C-alpha cells in the first residue's frame, strides 16, 4: 500500500481544486459520451444538430462530479491515507 501513500502525497501537492477539475473533466467526458451517444452519432452523420444539449449535459455532469463526487473521493482518500500512515508508524 506504499504506492497509494506515494501517489496520494503527489496528488495532494497539486491541490484539491486541480484534482477535482482534472478528474471532473475526465469523468464528465466519459459519462457524456456514453449518455449522449445517440445525439453524438446523429451529429456526426449530418443529422439534426443538438450540440447545445450535449454541451449542457456535459456542464451539469461536470459540476456534479467536481463539487459532489470528487469532494467525497478526496475526503475518503484522505481518511485512508491517514489510516495507512498511522499503521505504517506502528
PDB file of N, CA and C in Angstrom:
ATOM      1  N   UNK A   1       0.822  -1.197   0.000  1.00  0.00           N
ATOM      2  CA  UNK A   1       0.000   0.000   0.000  1.00  0.00           C
ATOM      3  C   UNK A   1       0.864   1.259   0.000  1.00  0.00           C
ATOM      4  N   UNK A   2       2.160   1.094   0.005  1.00  0.00           N
ATOM      5  CA  UNK A   2       3.032   2.266  -0.024  1.00  0.00           C
ATOM      6  C   UNK A   2       2.902   3.036  -1.343  1.00  0.00           C
ATOM      7  N   UNK A   3       2.496   2.343  -2.406  1.00  0.00           N
ATOM      8  CA  UNK A   3       2.244   3.033  -3.674  1.00  0.00           C
ATOM      9  C   UNK A   3       1.110   4.034  -3.514  1.00  0.00           C
ATOM     10  N   UNK A   4       0.077   3.621  -2.787  1.00  0.00           N
ATOM     11  CA  UNK A   4      -1.043   4.535  -2.533  1.00  0.00           C
ATOM     12  C   UNK A   4      -0.563   5.766  -1.795  1.00  0.00           C
ATOM     13  N   UNK A   5       0.263   5.581  -0.764  1.00  0.00           N
ATOM     14  CA  UNK A   5       0.756   6.717   0.024  1.00  0.00           C
ATOM     15  C   UNK A   5       1.550   7.672  -0.852  1.00  0.00           C
ATOM     16  N   UNK A   6       2.455   7.136  -1.651  1.00  0.00           N
ATOM     17  CA  UNK A   6       3.270   7.983  -2.529  1.00  0.00           C
ATOM     18  C   UNK A   6       2.415   8.701  -3.571  1.00  0.00           C
ATOM     19  N   UNK A   7       1.484   7.978  -4.176  1.00  0.00           N
ATOM     20  CA  UNK A   7       0.621   8.593  -5.197  1.00  0.00           C
ATOM     21  C   UNK A   7      -0.276   9.663  -4.591  1.00  0.00           C
ATOM     22  N   UNK A   8      -0.812   9.375  -3.416  1.00  0.00           N
ATOM     23  CA  UNK A   8      -1.723  10.337  -2.809  1.00  0.00           C
ATOM     24  C   UNK A   8      -0.977  11.597  -2.351  1.00  0.00           C
ATOM     25  N   UNK A   9       0.240  11.433  -1.832  1.00  0.00           N
ATOM     26  CA  UNK A   9       1.031  12.604  -1.447  1.00  0.00           C
ATOM     27  C   UNK A   9       1.321  13.473  -2.665  1.00  0.00           C
ATOM     28  N   UNK A  10       1.573  12.839  -3.800  1.00  0.00           N
ATOM     29  CA  UNK A  10       1.816  13.588  -5.041  1.00  0.00           C
ATOM     30  C   UNK A  10       0.557  14.331  -5.480  1.00  0.00           C
ATOM     31  N   UNK A  11      -0.597  13.668  -5.400  1.00  0.00           N
ATOM     32  CA  UNK A  11      -1.864  14.311  -5.761  1.00  0.00           C
ATOM     33  C   UNK A  11      -2.194  15.461  -4.808  1.00  0.00           C
ATOM     34  N   UNK A  12      -1.943  15.262  -3.521  1.00  0.00           N
ATOM     35  CA  UNK A  12      -2.244  16.301  -2.531  1.00  0.00           C
ATOM     36  C   UNK A  12      -1.411  17.552  -2.767  1.00  0.00           C
ATOM     37  N   UNK A  13      -0.177  17.361  -3.220  1.00  0.00           N
ATOM     38  CA  UNK A  13       0.691  18.506  -3.512  1.00  0.00           C
ATOM     39  C   UNK A  13       0.101  19.394  -4.602  1.00  0.00           C
ATOM     40  N   UNK A  14      -0.532  18.781  -5.578  1.00  0.00           N
ATOM     41  CA  UNK A  14      -1.123  19.525  -6.683  1.00  0.00           C
ATOM     42  C   UNK A  14      -2.334  20.340  -6.229  1.00  0.00           C
ATOM     43  N   UNK A  15      -2.993  19.876  -5.182  1.00  0.00           N
ATOM     44  CA  UNK A  15      -4.115  20.623  -4.637  1.00  0.00           C
ATOM     45  C   UNK A  15      -5.459  19.988  -4.926  1.00  0.00           C
ATOM     46  N   UNK A  16      -6.384  20.286  -4.045  1.00  0.00           N
ATOM     47  CA  UNK A  16      -7.726  19.713  -4.132  1.00  0.00           C
ATOM     48  C   UNK A  16      -8.498  20.228  -5.351  1.00  0.00           C
ATOM     49  N   UNK A  17      -8.369  21.504  -5.643  1.00  0.00           N
ATOM     50  CA  UNK A  17      -9.095  22.083  -6.775  1.00  0.00           C
ATOM     51  C   UNK A  17      -8.627  21.484  -8.092  1.00  0.00           C
ATOM     52  N   UNK A  18      -7.329  21.383  -8.268  1.00  0.00           N
ATOM     53  CA  UNK A  18      -6.791  20.814  -9.505  1.00  0.00           C
ATOM     54  C   UNK A  18      -7.207  19.352  -9.650  1.00  0.00           C
ATOM     55  N   UNK A  19      -7.188  18.620  -8.535  1.00  0.00           N
ATOM     56  CA  UNK A  19      -7.619  17.220  -8.545  1.00  0.00           C
ATOM     57  C   UNK A  19      -9.073  17.121  -8.994  1.00  0.00           C
ATOM     58  N   UNK A  20      -9.933  17.938  -8.389  1.00  0.00           N
ATOM     59  CA  UNK A  20     -11.362  17.890  -8.708  1.00  0.00           C
ATOM     60  C   UNK A  20     -11.616  18.293 -10.156  1.00  0.00           C
ATOM     61  N   UNK A  21     -10.950  19.325 -10.627  1.00  0.00           N
ATOM     62  CA  UNK A  21     -11.168  19.779 -12.003  1.00  0.00           C
ATOM     63  C   UNK A  21     -10.679  18.758 -13.024  1.00  0.00           C
ATOM     64  N   UNK A  22      -9.500  18.213 -12.795  1.00  0.00           N
ATOM     65  CA  UNK A  22      -8.946  17.220 -13.721  1.00  0.00           C
ATOM     66  C   UNK A  22      -9.811  15.971 -13.764  1.00  0.00           C
ATOM     67  N   UNK A  23     -10.109  15.431 -12.604  1.00  0.00           N
ATOM     68  CA  UNK A  23     -10.921  14.221 -12.549  1.00  0.00           C
ATOM     69  C   UNK A  23     -12.348  14.489 -13.022  1.00  0.00           C
ATOM     70  N   UNK A  24     -12.857  15.686 -12.724  1.00  0.00           N
ATOM     71  CA  UNK A  24     -14.203  16.045 -13.154  1.00  0.00           C
ATOM     72  C   UNK A  24     -14.339  16.109 -14.661  1.00  0.00           C
ATOM     73  N   UNK A  25     -13.343  16.653 -15.335  1.00  0.00           N
ATOM     74  CA  UNK A  25     -13.368  16.728 -16.799  1.00  0.00           C
ATOM     75  C   UNK A  25     -13.330  15.324 -17.401  1.00  0.00           C
ATOM     76  N   UNK A  26     -12.451  14.482 -16.893  1.00  0.00           N
ATOM     77  CA  UNK A  26     -12.337  13.120 -17.423  1.00  0.00           C
ATOM     78  C   UNK A  26     -13.647  12.360 -17.212  1.00  0.00           C
ATOM     79  N   UNK A  27     -14.154  12.400 -15.992  1.00  0.00           N
ATOM     80  CA  UNK A  27     -15.396  11.700 -15.661  1.00  0.00           C
ATOM     81  C   UNK A  27     -16.556  12.218 -16.514  1.00  0.00           C
ATOM     82  N   UNK A  28     -16.667  13.532 -16.624  1.00  0.00           N
ATOM     83  CA  UNK A  28     -17.770  14.141 -17.371  1.00  0.00           C
ATOM     84  C   UNK A  28     -17.708  13.797 -18.846  1.00  0.00           C
ATOM     85  N   UNK A  29     -16.528  13.795 -19.402  1.00  0.00           N
ATOM     86  CA  UNK A  29     -16.367  13.452 -20.808  1.00  0.00           C
ATOM     87  C   UNK A  29     -16.813  12.017 -21.073  1.00  0.00           C
ATOM     88  N   UNK A  30     -16.365  11.098 -20.235  1.00  0.00           N
ATOM     89  CA  UNK A  30     -16.729   9.692 -20.419  1.00  0.00           C
ATOM     90  C   UNK A  30     -18.233   9.496 -20.265  1.00  0.00           C
ATOM     91  N   UNK A  31     -18.815  10.059 -19.211  1.00  0.00           N
ATOM     92  CA  UNK A  31     -20.247   9.889 -18.974  1.00  0.00           C
ATOM     93  C   UNK A  31     -21.067  10.551 -20.079  1.00  0.00           C
ATOM     94  N   UNK A  32     -20.662  11.721 -20.532  1.00  0.00           N
ATOM     95  CA  UNK A  32     -21.383  12.399 -21.605  1.00  0.00           C
ATOM     96  C   UNK A  32     -21.326  11.582 -22.895  1.00  0.00           C
ATOM     97  N   UNK A  33     -20.163  11.027 -23.210  1.00  0.00           N
ATOM     98  CA  UNK A  33     -20.047  10.197 -24.416  1.00  0.00           C
ATOM     99  C   UNK A  33     -20.954   8.981 -24.345  1.00  0.00           C
ATOM    100  N   UNK A  34     -21.069   8.393 -23.173  1.00  0.00           N
ATOM    101  CA  UNK A  34     -21.933   7.220 -23.017  1.00  0.00           C
ATOM    102  C   UNK A  34     -23.401   7.629 -23.017  1.00  0.00           C
ATOM    103  N   UNK A  35     -23.719   8.659 -22.239  1.00  0.00           N
ATOM    104  CA  UNK A  35     -25.108   9.090 -22.073  1.00  0.00           C
ATOM    105  C   UNK A  35     -25.705   9.647 -23.373  1.00  0.00           C
ATOM    106  N   UNK A  36     -24.952  10.458 -24.074  1.00  0.00           N
ATOM    107  CA  UNK A  36     -25.453  11.132 -25.278  1.00  0.00           C
ATOM    108  C   UNK A  36     -24.933  10.512 -26.566  1.00  0.00           C
ATOM    109  N   UNK A  37     -24.640   9.240 -26.553  1.00  0.00           N
ATOM    110  CA  UNK A  37     -24.058   8.595 -27.738  1.00  0.00           C
ATOM    111  C   UNK A  37     -24.971   8.680 -28.955  1.00  0.00           C
ATOM    112  N   UNK A  38     -26.284   8.617 -28.737  1.00  0.00           N
ATOM    113  CA  UNK A  38     -27.205   8.719 -29.874  1.00  0.00           C
ATOM    114  C   UNK A  38     -27.175  10.115 -30.485  1.00  0.00           C
ATOM    115  N   UNK A  39     -27.157  11.146 -29.639  1.00  0.00           N
ATOM    116  CA  UNK A  39     -27.098  12.518 -30.150  1.00  0.00           C
ATOM    117  C   UNK A  39     -25.781  12.772 -30.872  1.00  0.00           C
ATOM    118  N   UNK A  40     -24.691  12.243 -30.322  1.00  0.00           N
ATOM    119  CA  UNK A  40     -23.377  12.422 -30.943  1.00  0.00           C
ATOM    120  C   UNK A  40     -23.333  11.698 -32.283  1.00  0.00           C
ATOM    121  N   UNK A  41     -23.901  10.499 -32.334  1.00  0.00           N
ATOM    122  CA  UNK A  41     -23.926   9.734 -33.589  1.00  0.00           C
ATOM    123  C   UNK A  41     -24.703  10.487 -34.668  1.00  0.00           C
ATOM    124  N   UNK A  42     -25.861  11.036 -34.283  1.00  0.00           N
ATOM    125  CA  UNK A  42     -26.665  11.800 -35.250  1.00  0.00           C
ATOM    126  C   UNK A  42     -25.897  13.045 -35.714  1.00  0.00           C
ATOM    127  N   UNK A  43     -25.228  13.723 -34.806  1.00  0.00           N
ATOM    128  CA  UNK A  43     -24.456  14.917 -35.139  1.00  0.00           C
ATOM    129  C   UNK A  43     -23.328  14.588 -36.109  1.00  0.00           C
ATOM    130  N   UNK A  44     -22.649  13.471 -35.886  1.00  0.00           N
ATOM    131  CA  UNK A  44     -21.530  13.075 -36.742  1.00  0.00           C
ATOM    132  C   UNK A  44     -21.996  12.635 -38.131  1.00  0.00           C
ATOM    133  N   UNK A  45     -23.219  12.172 -38.229  1.00  0.00           N
ATOM    134  CA  UNK A  45     -23.739  11.690 -39.512  1.00  0.00           C
ATOM    135  C   UNK A  45     -24.608  12.717 -40.219  1.00  0.00           C
ATOM    136  N   UNK A  46     -24.476  13.971 -39.838  1.00  0.00           N
ATOM    137  CA  UNK A  46     -25.178  15.036 -40.530  1.00  0.00           C
ATOM    138  C   UNK A  46     -26.637  15.172 -40.158  1.00  0.00           C
ATOM    139  N   UNK A  47     -27.023  14.564 -39.083  1.00  0.00           N
ATOM    140  CA  UNK A  47     -28.414  14.666 -38.654  1.00  0.00           C
ATOM    141  C   UNK A  47     -28.671  15.974 -37.935  1.00  0.00           C
ATOM    142  N   UNK A  48     -29.804  16.024 -37.280  1.00  0.00           N
ATOM    143  CA  UNK A  48     -30.219  17.218 -36.545  1.00  0.00           C
ATOM    144  C   UNK A  48     -29.179  17.565 -35.478  1.00  0.00           C
ATOM    145  N   UNK A  49     -28.744  18.791 -35.470  1.00  0.00           N
ATOM    146  CA  UNK A  49     -27.718  19.232 -34.536  1.00  0.00           C
ATOM    147  C   UNK A  49     -28.321  19.577 -33.178  1.00  0.00           C
ATOM    148  N   UNK A  50     -27.917  18.821 -32.193  1.00  0.00           N
ATOM    149  CA  UNK A  50     -28.321  19.089 -30.821  1.00  0.00           C
ATOM    150  C   UNK A  50     -27.073  19.273 -29.964  1.00  0.00           C
ATOM    151  N   UNK A  51     -26.121  19.989 -30.528  1.00  0.00           N
ATOM    152  CA  UNK A  51     -24.862  20.219 -29.834  1.00  0.00           C
ATOM    153  C   UNK A  51     -25.077  20.945 -28.519  1.00  0.00           C
ATOM    154  N   UNK A  52     -26.032  21.853 -28.470  1.00  0.00           N
ATOM    155  CA  UNK A  52     -26.290  22.591 -27.226  1.00  0.00           C
ATOM    156  C   UNK A  52     -26.742  21.649 -26.110  1.00  0.00           C
ATOM    157  N   UNK A  53     -27.520  20.642 -26.446  1.00  0.00           N
ATOM    158  CA  UNK A  53     -27.962  19.666 -25.442  1.00  0.00           C
ATOM    159  C   UNK A  53     -26.770  18.886 -24.906  1.00  0.00           C
ATOM    160  N   UNK A  54     -25.874  18.491 -25.782  1.00  0.00           N
ATOM    161  CA  UNK A  54     -24.682  17.745 -25.379  1.00  0.00           C
ATOM    162  C   UNK A  54     -23.809  18.602 -24.467  1.00  0.00           C
ATOM    163  N   UNK A  55     -23.618  19.862 -24.818  1.00  0.00           N
ATOM    164  CA  UNK A  55     -22.785  20.765 -24.020  1.00  0.00           C
ATOM    165  C   UNK A  55     -23.414  21.024 -22.652  1.00  0.00           C
ATOM    166  N   UNK A  56     -24.718  21.231 -22.618  1.00  0.00           N
ATOM    167  CA  UNK A  56     -25.399  21.458 -21.344  1.00  0.00           C
ATOM    168  C   UNK A  56     -25.307  20.214 -20.462  1.00  0.00           C
ATOM    169  N   UNK A  57     -25.509  19.037 -21.041  1.00  0.00           N
ATOM    170  CA  UNK A  57     -25.373  17.800 -20.267  1.00  0.00           C
ATOM    171  C   UNK A  57     -23.970  17.655 -19.700  1.00  0.00           C
ATOM    172  N   UNK A  58     -22.957  17.949 -20.530  1.00  0.00           N
ATOM    173  CA  UNK A  58     -21.575  17.868 -20.067  1.00  0.00           C
ATOM    174  C   UNK A  58     -21.356  18.820 -18.891  1.00  0.00           C
ATOM    175  N   UNK A  59     -21.854  20.030 -18.998  1.00  0.00           N
ATOM    176  CA  UNK A  59     -21.658  21.020 -17.926  1.00  0.00           C
ATOM    177  C   UNK A  59     -22.297  20.577 -16.624  1.00  0.00           C
ATOM    178  N   UNK A  60     -23.514  20.065 -16.675  1.00  0.00           N
ATOM    179  CA  UNK A  60     -24.177  19.597 -15.453  1.00  0.00           C
ATOM    180  C   UNK A  60     -23.443  18.423 -14.833  1.00  0.00           C
ATOM    181  N   UNK A  61     -23.002  17.498 -15.645  1.00  0.00           N
ATOM    182  CA  UNK A  61     -22.256  16.348 -15.123  1.00  0.00           C
ATOM    183  C   UNK A  61     -20.933  16.812 -14.534  1.00  0.00           C
ATOM    184  N   UNK A  62     -20.268  17.752 -15.194  1.00  0.00           N
ATOM    185  CA  UNK A  62     -19.002  18.284 -14.689  1.00  0.00           C
ATOM    186  C   UNK A  62     -19.189  18.960 -13.331  1.00  0.00           C
ATOM    187  N   UNK A  63     -20.213  19.770 -13.194  1.00  0.00           N
ATOM    188  CA  UNK A  63     -20.481  20.455 -11.925  1.00  0.00           C
ATOM    189  C   UNK A  63     -20.754  19.435 -10.826  1.00  0.00           C
ATOM    190  N   UNK A  64     -21.593  18.464 -11.120  1.00  0.00           N
ATOM    191  CA  UNK A  64     -21.919  17.446 -10.115  1.00  0.00           C
ATOM    192  C   UNK A  64     -20.688  16.625  -9.733  1.00  0.00           C
ATOM    193  N   UNK A  65     -19.892  16.262 -10.725  1.00  0.00           N
ATOM    194  CA  UNK A  65     -18.696  15.464 -10.448  1.00  0.00           C
ATOM    195  C   UNK A  65     -17.671  16.255  -9.655  1.00  0.00           C
ATOM    196  N   UNK A  66     -17.467  17.505 -10.018  1.00  0.00           N
ATOM    197  CA  UNK A  66     -16.454  18.320  -9.353  1.00  0.00           C
ATOM    198  C   UNK A  66     -16.847  18.665  -7.926  1.00  0.00           C
ATOM    199  N   UNK A  67     -18.068  19.098  -7.740  1.00  0.00           N
ATOM    200  CA  UNK A  67     -18.497  19.525  -6.408  1.00  0.00           C
ATOM    201  C   UNK A  67     -18.832  18.337  -5.513  1.00  0.00           C
ATOM    202  N   UNK A  68     -19.572  17.397  -6.035  1.00  0.00           N
ATOM    203  CA  UNK A  68     -20.065  16.309  -5.203  1.00  0.00           C
ATOM    204  C   UNK A  68     -19.144  15.124  -5.120  1.00  0.00           C
ATOM    205  N   UNK A  69     -19.028  14.437  -6.222  1.00  0.00           N
ATOM    206  CA  UNK A  69     -18.328  13.157  -6.225  1.00  0.00           C
ATOM    207  C   UNK A  69     -16.863  13.286  -5.812  1.00  0.00           C
ATOM    208  N   UNK A  70     -16.139  14.206  -6.421  1.00  0.00           N
ATOM    209  CA  UNK A  70     -14.709  14.277  -6.131  1.00  0.00           C
ATOM    210  C   UNK A  70     -14.406  14.910  -4.785  1.00  0.00           C
ATOM    211  N   UNK A  71     -15.348  15.647  -4.214  1.00  0.00           N
ATOM    212  CA  UNK A  71     -15.185  16.093  -2.833  1.00  0.00           C
ATOM    213  C   UNK A  71     -15.254  14.891  -1.905  1.00  0.00           C
ATOM    214  N   UNK A  72     -16.202  14.002  -2.163  1.00  0.00           N
ATOM    215  CA  UNK A  72     -16.313  12.788  -1.350  1.00  0.00           C
ATOM    216  C   UNK A  72     -15.108  11.874  -1.545  1.00  0.00           C
ATOM    217  N   UNK A  73     -14.642  11.740  -2.772  1.00  0.00           N
ATOM    218  CA  UNK A  73     -13.471  10.904  -3.043  1.00  0.00           C
ATOM    219  C   UNK A  73     -12.241  11.473  -2.345  1.00  0.00           C
ATOM    220  N   UNK A  74     -12.075  12.794  -2.381  1.00  0.00           N
ATOM    221  CA  UNK A  74     -10.941  13.431  -1.707  1.00  0.00           C
ATOM    222  C   UNK A  74     -10.971  13.125  -0.207  1.00  0.00           C
ATOM    223  N   UNK A  75     -12.125  13.296   0.415  1.00  0.00           N
ATOM    224  CA  UNK A  75     -12.252  13.031   1.850  1.00  0.00           C
ATOM    225  C   UNK A  75     -11.999  11.561   2.170  1.00  0.00           C
ATOM    226  N   UNK A  76     -12.506  10.667   1.329  1.00  0.00           N
ATOM    227  CA  UNK A  76     -12.311   9.244   1.544  1.00  0.00           C
ATOM    228  C   UNK A  76     -10.829   8.870   1.412  1.00  0.00           C
ATOM    229  N   UNK A  77     -10.167   9.380   0.379  1.00  0.00           N
ATOM    230  CA  UNK A  77      -8.744   9.076   0.191  1.00  0.00           C
ATOM    231  C   UNK A  77      -7.892   9.686   1.295  1.00  0.00           C
ATOM    232  N   UNK A  78      -8.270  10.859   1.772  1.00  0.00           N
ATOM    233  CA  UNK A  78      -7.538  11.488   2.871  1.00  0.00           C
ATOM    234  C   UNK A  78      -7.664  10.643   4.143  1.00  0.00           C
ATOM    235  N   UNK A  79      -8.856  10.137   4.388  1.00  0.00           N
ATOM    236  CA  UNK A  79      -9.069   9.278   5.558  1.00  0.00           C
ATOM    237  C   UNK A  79      -8.255   7.983   5.432  1.00  0.00           C
ATOM    238  N   UNK A  80      -8.272   7.377   4.252  1.00  0.00           N
ATOM    239  CA  UNK A  80      -7.494   6.165   4.006  1.00  0.00           C
ATOM    240  C   UNK A  80      -5.996   6.435   4.143  1.00  0.00           C
ATOM    241  N   UNK A  81      -5.564   7.589   3.659  1.00  0.00           N
ATOM    242  CA  UNK A  81      -4.154   7.985   3.763  1.00  0.00           C
ATOM    243  C   UNK A  81      -3.724   8.101   5.228  1.00  0.00           C
ATOM    244  N   UNK A  82      -4.541   8.769   6.034  1.00  0.00           N
ATOM    245  CA  UNK A  82      -4.211   8.916   7.451  1.00  0.00           C
ATOM    246  C   UNK A  82      -4.173   7.570   8.160  1.00  0.00           C
ATOM    247  N   UNK A  83      -5.075   6.683   7.779  1.00  0.00           N
ATOM    248  CA  UNK A  83      -5.092   5.341   8.361  1.00  0.00           C
ATOM    249  C   UNK A  83      -3.826   4.575   7.990  1.00  0.00           C
ATOM    250  N   UNK A  84      -3.419   4.670   6.728  1.00  0.00           N
ATOM    251  CA  UNK A  84      -2.200   3.983   6.279  1.00  0.00           C
ATOM    252  C   UNK A  84      -0.951   4.549   6.947  1.00  0.00           C
ATOM    253  N   UNK A  85      -0.899   5.851   7.087  1.00  0.00           N
ATOM    254  CA  UNK A  85       0.234   6.494   7.745  1.00  0.00           C
ATOM    255  C   UNK A  85       0.332   6.045   9.205  1.00  0.00           C
ATOM    256  N   UNK A  86      -0.805   6.002   9.902  1.00  0.00           N
ATOM    257  CA  UNK A  86      -0.790   5.605  11.311  1.00  0.00           C
ATOM    258  C   UNK A  86      -0.402   4.138  11.459  1.00  0.00           C
ATOM    259  N   UNK A  87      -0.789   3.274  10.513  1.00  0.00           N
ATOM    260  CA  UNK A  87      -0.395   1.869  10.575  1.00  0.00           C
ATOM    261  C   UNK A  87       1.078   1.691  10.226  1.00  0.00           C
ATOM    262  N   UNK A  88       1.584   2.549   9.369  1.00  0.00           N
ATOM    263  CA  UNK A  88       2.989   2.474   8.983  1.00  0.00           C
ATOM    264  C   UNK A  88       3.895   2.861  10.150  1.00  0.00           C
ATOM    265  N   UNK A  89       3.438   3.812  10.965  1.00  0.00           N
ATOM    266  CA  UNK A  89       4.220   4.265  12.108  1.00  0.00           C
ATOM    267  C   UNK A  89       4.305   3.181  13.164  1.00  0.00           C
ATOM    268  N   UNK A  90       3.219   2.431  13.344  1.00  0.00           N
ATOM    269  CA  UNK A  90       3.194   1.371  14.352  1.00  0.00           C
ATOM    270  C   UNK A  90       4.013   0.235  13.908  1.00  0.00           C
TER     271      UNK A  90
END
